[in-house]
Amino acid sequence: MTTVVLLVALLVFRGLGALGVRRFARWDVSAAHALAVMLVMTASAHFVPGEVTVMPTHDDLVAMVPPVVPFPSAVIYLTGVLELAGAAGLVTTRWRRPAGLCLALLFVLMLPANVYAALTDSAMASPLWQRIPEQVLYIGFALWAARSVRARERERVPAGG
C-alpha cells in the first residue's frame, strides 16, 4: 500500500507540474513531495492506539521491533517523529538535502526490524521478497530527493563560473 501511495503521489505531483505548477516541474522535486506524503501516512501508524482495527497501530509496530532493541515503544514513537520531521524537510528546498540523507539512513536502520518481523511471521510484516525491494525504493527516493537540491544549484550557476 505504501508503495502505491508513493508512486501515485509522484504521478499526481508530476502531473501538476505538467499542468504548469512550477514547483512540480521536475521529477526529483515531485519525488521529494511524494515521499513526504508517504511518510505522513506511514508515520501516522506510530501514534495510533492499539484499539484501532482499520489500520496498523503503535502496538503492531512495537511487535515488529527485535528484542535486542531497548524501549521498543519509545523507539516506535521516535521513528514516527523522525518520519514526520523528514517529511517536513523534504518539502522545503533548504532542508530537502539533509532530510533526504537522514531518511535514507533511517530506512537502512529500520530494515533489520522489517527483516526480524518477516522472519518471525509478525502480522504486520511484509514478506522479505516484497519488503527488501520496497526499502531499496524508499532509500532511492530519499537519495533522489537529496540530490535534487544539488541539481537545482547546478542549474543556477552559469557555465564556467
C-alpha atoms as a PDB file:
ATOM      1  CA  MET A   1       0.000   0.000   0.000  1.00  0.00           C
ATOM      2  CA  THR A   2       2.785   2.432   0.863  1.00  0.00           C
ATOM      3  CA  THR A   3       4.486   1.889  -2.483  1.00  0.00           C
ATOM      4  CA  VAL A   4       1.213   2.579  -4.272  1.00  0.00           C
ATOM      5  CA  VAL A   5       0.795   5.822  -2.301  1.00  0.00           C
ATOM      6  CA  LEU A   6       4.369   6.823  -3.145  1.00  0.00           C
ATOM      7  CA  LEU A   7       4.033   6.159  -6.871  1.00  0.00           C
ATOM      8  CA  VAL A   8       0.546   7.673  -7.221  1.00  0.00           C
ATOM      9  CA  ALA A   9       1.665  10.797  -5.336  1.00  0.00           C
ATOM     10  CA  LEU A  10       4.702  11.037  -7.630  1.00  0.00           C
ATOM     11  CA  LEU A  11       2.475  10.919 -10.709  1.00  0.00           C
ATOM     12  CA  VAL A  12      -0.008  13.419  -9.253  1.00  0.00           C
ATOM     13  CA  PHE A  13       2.728  15.921  -8.372  1.00  0.00           C
ATOM     14  CA  ARG A  14       4.448  15.488 -11.719  1.00  0.00           C
ATOM     15  CA  GLY A  15       1.051  15.820 -13.422  1.00  0.00           C
ATOM     16  CA  LEU A  16       0.575  19.119 -11.631  1.00  0.00           C
ATOM     17  CA  GLY A  17       3.966  20.142 -12.938  1.00  0.00           C
ATOM     18  CA  ALA A  18       2.920  19.268 -16.488  1.00  0.00           C
ATOM     19  CA  LEU A  19      -0.167  21.433 -15.957  1.00  0.00           C
ATOM     20  CA  GLY A  20       2.006  24.430 -15.094  1.00  0.00           C
ATOM     21  CA  VAL A  21       2.616  24.239 -11.345  1.00  0.00           C
ATOM     22  CA  ARG A  22       6.280  25.255 -11.420  1.00  0.00           C
ATOM     23  CA  ARG A  23       7.128  23.678  -8.063  1.00  0.00           C
ATOM     24  CA  PHE A  24       6.480  20.244  -9.561  1.00  0.00           C
ATOM     25  CA  ALA A  25       8.039  20.844 -12.970  1.00  0.00           C
ATOM     26  CA  ARG A  26      10.887  18.458 -12.141  1.00  0.00           C
ATOM     27  CA  TRP A  27      10.652  14.754 -11.390  1.00  0.00           C
ATOM     28  CA  ASP A  28      13.090  14.899  -8.471  1.00  0.00           C
ATOM     29  CA  VAL A  29      11.144  17.617  -6.643  1.00  0.00           C
ATOM     30  CA  SER A  30       7.912  15.720  -7.282  1.00  0.00           C
ATOM     31  CA  ALA A  31       9.607  12.619  -5.853  1.00  0.00           C
ATOM     32  CA  ALA A  32      10.579  14.511  -2.692  1.00  0.00           C
ATOM     33  CA  HIS A  33       6.978  15.601  -2.164  1.00  0.00           C
ATOM     34  CA  ALA A  34       5.647  12.121  -2.948  1.00  0.00           C
ATOM     35  CA  LEU A  35       7.948  10.602  -0.346  1.00  0.00           C
ATOM     36  CA  ALA A  36       6.727  13.219   2.136  1.00  0.00           C
ATOM     37  CA  VAL A  37       3.116  12.182   1.505  1.00  0.00           C
ATOM     38  CA  MET A  38       4.005   8.533   2.024  1.00  0.00           C
ATOM     39  CA  LEU A  39       5.885   9.326   5.229  1.00  0.00           C
ATOM     40  CA  VAL A  40       2.958  11.236   6.720  1.00  0.00           C
ATOM     41  CA  MET A  41       0.804   8.192   6.034  1.00  0.00           C
ATOM     42  CA  THR A  42       3.269   5.690   7.488  1.00  0.00           C
ATOM     43  CA  ALA A  43       4.160   7.881  10.482  1.00  0.00           C
ATOM     44  CA  SER A  44       0.528   8.080  11.498  1.00  0.00           C
ATOM     45  CA  ALA A  45       0.593   4.391  12.443  1.00  0.00           C
ATOM     46  CA  HIS A  46       3.287   5.106  15.025  1.00  0.00           C
ATOM     47  CA  PHE A  47       0.775   7.071  17.112  1.00  0.00           C
ATOM     48  CA  VAL A  48      -2.491   5.154  16.575  1.00  0.00           C
ATOM     49  CA  PRO A  49      -3.708   3.359  19.723  1.00  0.00           C
ATOM     50  CA  GLY A  50      -3.900  -0.424  19.693  1.00  0.00           C
ATOM     51  CA  GLU A  51      -7.703  -0.429  19.907  1.00  0.00           C
ATOM     52  CA  VAL A  52      -7.983   0.834  16.322  1.00  0.00           C
ATOM     53  CA  THR A  53      -8.585  -2.037  13.921  1.00  0.00           C
ATOM     54  CA  VAL A  54      -8.751  -0.403  10.488  1.00  0.00           C
ATOM     55  CA  MET A  55      -5.028   0.330  10.128  1.00  0.00           C
ATOM     56  CA  PRO A  56      -1.656  -0.587  11.593  1.00  0.00           C
ATOM     57  CA  THR A  57      -1.209   0.695  15.128  1.00  0.00           C
ATOM     58  CA  HIS A  58       1.542   1.556  17.562  1.00  0.00           C
ATOM     59  CA  ASP A  59       1.175  -1.887  19.167  1.00  0.00           C
ATOM     60  CA  ASP A  60       1.531  -3.606  15.785  1.00  0.00           C
ATOM     61  CA  LEU A  61       4.762  -1.734  15.137  1.00  0.00           C
ATOM     62  CA  VAL A  62       6.124  -2.457  18.622  1.00  0.00           C
ATOM     63  CA  ALA A  63       5.630  -6.161  17.886  1.00  0.00           C
ATOM     64  CA  MET A  64       7.968  -5.800  14.884  1.00  0.00           C
ATOM     65  CA  VAL A  65      10.892  -4.475  16.946  1.00  0.00           C
ATOM     66  CA  PRO A  66      13.616  -7.074  17.592  1.00  0.00           C
ATOM     67  CA  PRO A  67      14.034  -7.957  21.279  1.00  0.00           C
ATOM     68  CA  VAL A  68      17.610  -6.626  21.325  1.00  0.00           C
ATOM     69  CA  VAL A  69      16.285  -3.074  20.850  1.00  0.00           C
ATOM     70  CA  PRO A  70      15.642  -1.428  24.234  1.00  0.00           C
ATOM     71  CA  PHE A  71      12.451   0.540  24.892  1.00  0.00           C
ATOM     72  CA  PRO A  72      10.588  -0.610  21.745  1.00  0.00           C
ATOM     73  CA  SER A  73       7.559   1.605  22.371  1.00  0.00           C
ATOM     74  CA  ALA A  74       9.737   4.709  22.664  1.00  0.00           C
ATOM     75  CA  VAL A  75      11.647   3.672  19.540  1.00  0.00           C
ATOM     76  CA  ILE A  76       8.376   3.465  17.599  1.00  0.00           C
ATOM     77  CA  TYR A  77       7.344   6.935  18.772  1.00  0.00           C
ATOM     78  CA  LEU A  78      10.797   8.262  17.908  1.00  0.00           C
ATOM     79  CA  THR A  79      10.776   6.789  14.408  1.00  0.00           C
ATOM     80  CA  GLY A  80       7.315   8.268  13.844  1.00  0.00           C
ATOM     81  CA  VAL A  81       8.585  11.708  14.854  1.00  0.00           C
ATOM     82  CA  LEU A  82      11.639  11.261  12.619  1.00  0.00           C
ATOM     83  CA  GLU A  83       9.428  10.286   9.671  1.00  0.00           C
ATOM     84  CA  LEU A  84       7.271  13.392  10.179  1.00  0.00           C
ATOM     85  CA  ALA A  85      10.333  15.617  10.542  1.00  0.00           C
ATOM     86  CA  GLY A  86      11.784  14.066   7.397  1.00  0.00           C
ATOM     87  CA  ALA A  87       8.537  14.693   5.518  1.00  0.00           C
ATOM     88  CA  ALA A  88       8.581  18.344   6.583  1.00  0.00           C
ATOM     89  CA  GLY A  89      12.196  18.663   5.498  1.00  0.00           C
ATOM     90  CA  LEU A  90      11.528  17.123   2.096  1.00  0.00           C
ATOM     91  CA  VAL A  91       9.007  19.790   1.120  1.00  0.00           C
ATOM     92  CA  THR A  92      11.369  22.683   1.840  1.00  0.00           C
ATOM     93  CA  THR A  93      14.260  23.390  -0.504  1.00  0.00           C
ATOM     94  CA  ARG A  94      16.555  24.431   2.324  1.00  0.00           C
ATOM     95  CA  TRP A  95      16.090  21.209   4.316  1.00  0.00           C
ATOM     96  CA  ARG A  96      15.479  18.737   1.471  1.00  0.00           C
ATOM     97  CA  ARG A  97      19.084  17.561   1.184  1.00  0.00           C
ATOM     98  CA  PRO A  98      19.696  16.845   4.898  1.00  0.00           C
ATOM     99  CA  ALA A  99      16.203  15.368   5.227  1.00  0.00           C
ATOM    100  CA  GLY A 100      16.741  13.061   2.260  1.00  0.00           C
ATOM    101  CA  LEU A 101      20.121  11.885   3.539  1.00  0.00           C
ATOM    102  CA  CYS A 102      18.816  11.344   7.073  1.00  0.00           C
ATOM    103  CA  LEU A 103      15.772   9.472   5.776  1.00  0.00           C
ATOM    104  CA  ALA A 104      17.964   7.200   3.666  1.00  0.00           C
ATOM    105  CA  LEU A 105      19.912   6.382   6.824  1.00  0.00           C
ATOM    106  CA  LEU A 106      16.689   5.869   8.788  1.00  0.00           C
ATOM    107  CA  PHE A 107      15.384   3.447   6.146  1.00  0.00           C
ATOM    108  CA  VAL A 108      18.640   1.485   6.351  1.00  0.00           C
ATOM    109  CA  LEU A 109      18.445   1.392  10.163  1.00  0.00           C
ATOM    110  CA  MET A 110      14.812   0.268  10.113  1.00  0.00           C
ATOM    111  CA  LEU A 111      15.464  -2.609   7.721  1.00  0.00           C
ATOM    112  CA  PRO A 112      16.586  -5.074  10.428  1.00  0.00           C
ATOM    113  CA  ALA A 113      13.248  -4.622  12.218  1.00  0.00           C
ATOM    114  CA  ASN A 114      11.434  -5.409   8.991  1.00  0.00           C
ATOM    115  CA  VAL A 115      13.610  -8.481   8.425  1.00  0.00           C
ATOM    116  CA  TYR A 116      13.031  -9.616  12.018  1.00  0.00           C
ATOM    117  CA  ALA A 117       9.270  -9.144  11.638  1.00  0.00           C
ATOM    118  CA  ALA A 118       9.189 -11.074   8.367  1.00  0.00           C
ATOM    119  CA  LEU A 119      11.208 -13.947   9.822  1.00  0.00           C
ATOM    120  CA  THR A 120       9.037 -14.175  12.951  1.00  0.00           C
ATOM    121  CA  ASP A 121       5.770 -14.049  10.982  1.00  0.00           C
ATOM    122  CA  SER A 122       4.609 -10.803  12.543  1.00  0.00           C
ATOM    123  CA  ALA A 123       1.083  -9.967  11.378  1.00  0.00           C
ATOM    124  CA  MET A 124       2.264  -6.527  10.202  1.00  0.00           C
ATOM    125  CA  ALA A 125       5.288  -7.690   8.261  1.00  0.00           C
ATOM    126  CA  SER A 126       5.604  -7.741   4.532  1.00  0.00           C
ATOM    127  CA  PRO A 127       7.342 -10.827   3.168  1.00  0.00           C
ATOM    128  CA  LEU A 128      11.054 -10.282   2.604  1.00  0.00           C
ATOM    129  CA  TRP A 129      10.750 -10.698  -1.172  1.00  0.00           C
ATOM    130  CA  GLN A 130       8.487  -7.629  -1.077  1.00  0.00           C
ATOM    131  CA  ARG A 131       9.980  -5.639   1.779  1.00  0.00           C
ATOM    132  CA  ILE A 132      13.607  -5.551   0.663  1.00  0.00           C
ATOM    133  CA  PRO A 133      12.822  -4.040  -2.785  1.00  0.00           C
ATOM    134  CA  GLU A 134      10.383  -1.589  -1.150  1.00  0.00           C
ATOM    135  CA  GLN A 135      13.049  -0.463   1.301  1.00  0.00           C
ATOM    136  CA  VAL A 136      15.541  -0.041  -1.561  1.00  0.00           C
ATOM    137  CA  LEU A 137      12.913   2.039  -3.410  1.00  0.00           C
ATOM    138  CA  TYR A 138      12.397   4.286  -0.358  1.00  0.00           C
ATOM    139  CA  ILE A 139      16.158   4.729   0.062  1.00  0.00           C
ATOM    140  CA  GLY A 140      16.407   5.572  -3.630  1.00  0.00           C
ATOM    141  CA  PHE A 141      13.631   8.162  -3.388  1.00  0.00           C
ATOM    142  CA  ALA A 142      15.267   9.739  -0.319  1.00  0.00           C
ATOM    143  CA  LEU A 143      18.619   9.987  -2.095  1.00  0.00           C
ATOM    144  CA  TRP A 144      16.932  11.263  -5.257  1.00  0.00           C
ATOM    145  CA  ALA A 145      15.245  13.979  -3.196  1.00  0.00           C
ATOM    146  CA  ALA A 146      18.545  14.880  -1.515  1.00  0.00           C
ATOM    147  CA  ARG A 147      20.250  15.101  -4.880  1.00  0.00           C
ATOM    148  CA  SER A 148      17.525  17.371  -6.283  1.00  0.00           C
ATOM    149  CA  VAL A 149      18.878  20.355  -4.344  1.00  0.00           C
ATOM    150  CA  ARG A 150      22.336  19.917  -5.859  1.00  0.00           C
ATOM    151  CA  ALA A 151      20.816  19.613  -9.344  1.00  0.00           C
ATOM    152  CA  ARG A 152      18.905  22.844  -8.848  1.00  0.00           C
ATOM    153  CA  GLU A 153      22.053  24.621  -7.598  1.00  0.00           C
ATOM    154  CA  ARG A 154      23.968  23.487 -10.706  1.00  0.00           C
ATOM    155  CA  GLU A 155      21.223  24.925 -12.917  1.00  0.00           C
ATOM    156  CA  ARG A 156      21.666  28.358 -11.309  1.00  0.00           C
ATOM    157  CA  VAL A 157      25.450  28.513 -11.713  1.00  0.00           C
ATOM    158  CA  PRO A 158      26.459  29.793 -15.153  1.00  0.00           C
ATOM    159  CA  ALA A 159      28.879  27.626 -17.101  1.00  0.00           C
ATOM    160  CA  GLY A 160      32.488  28.471 -16.320  1.00  0.00           C
ATOM    161  CA  GLY A 161      31.678  30.306 -13.113  1.00  0.00           C
END
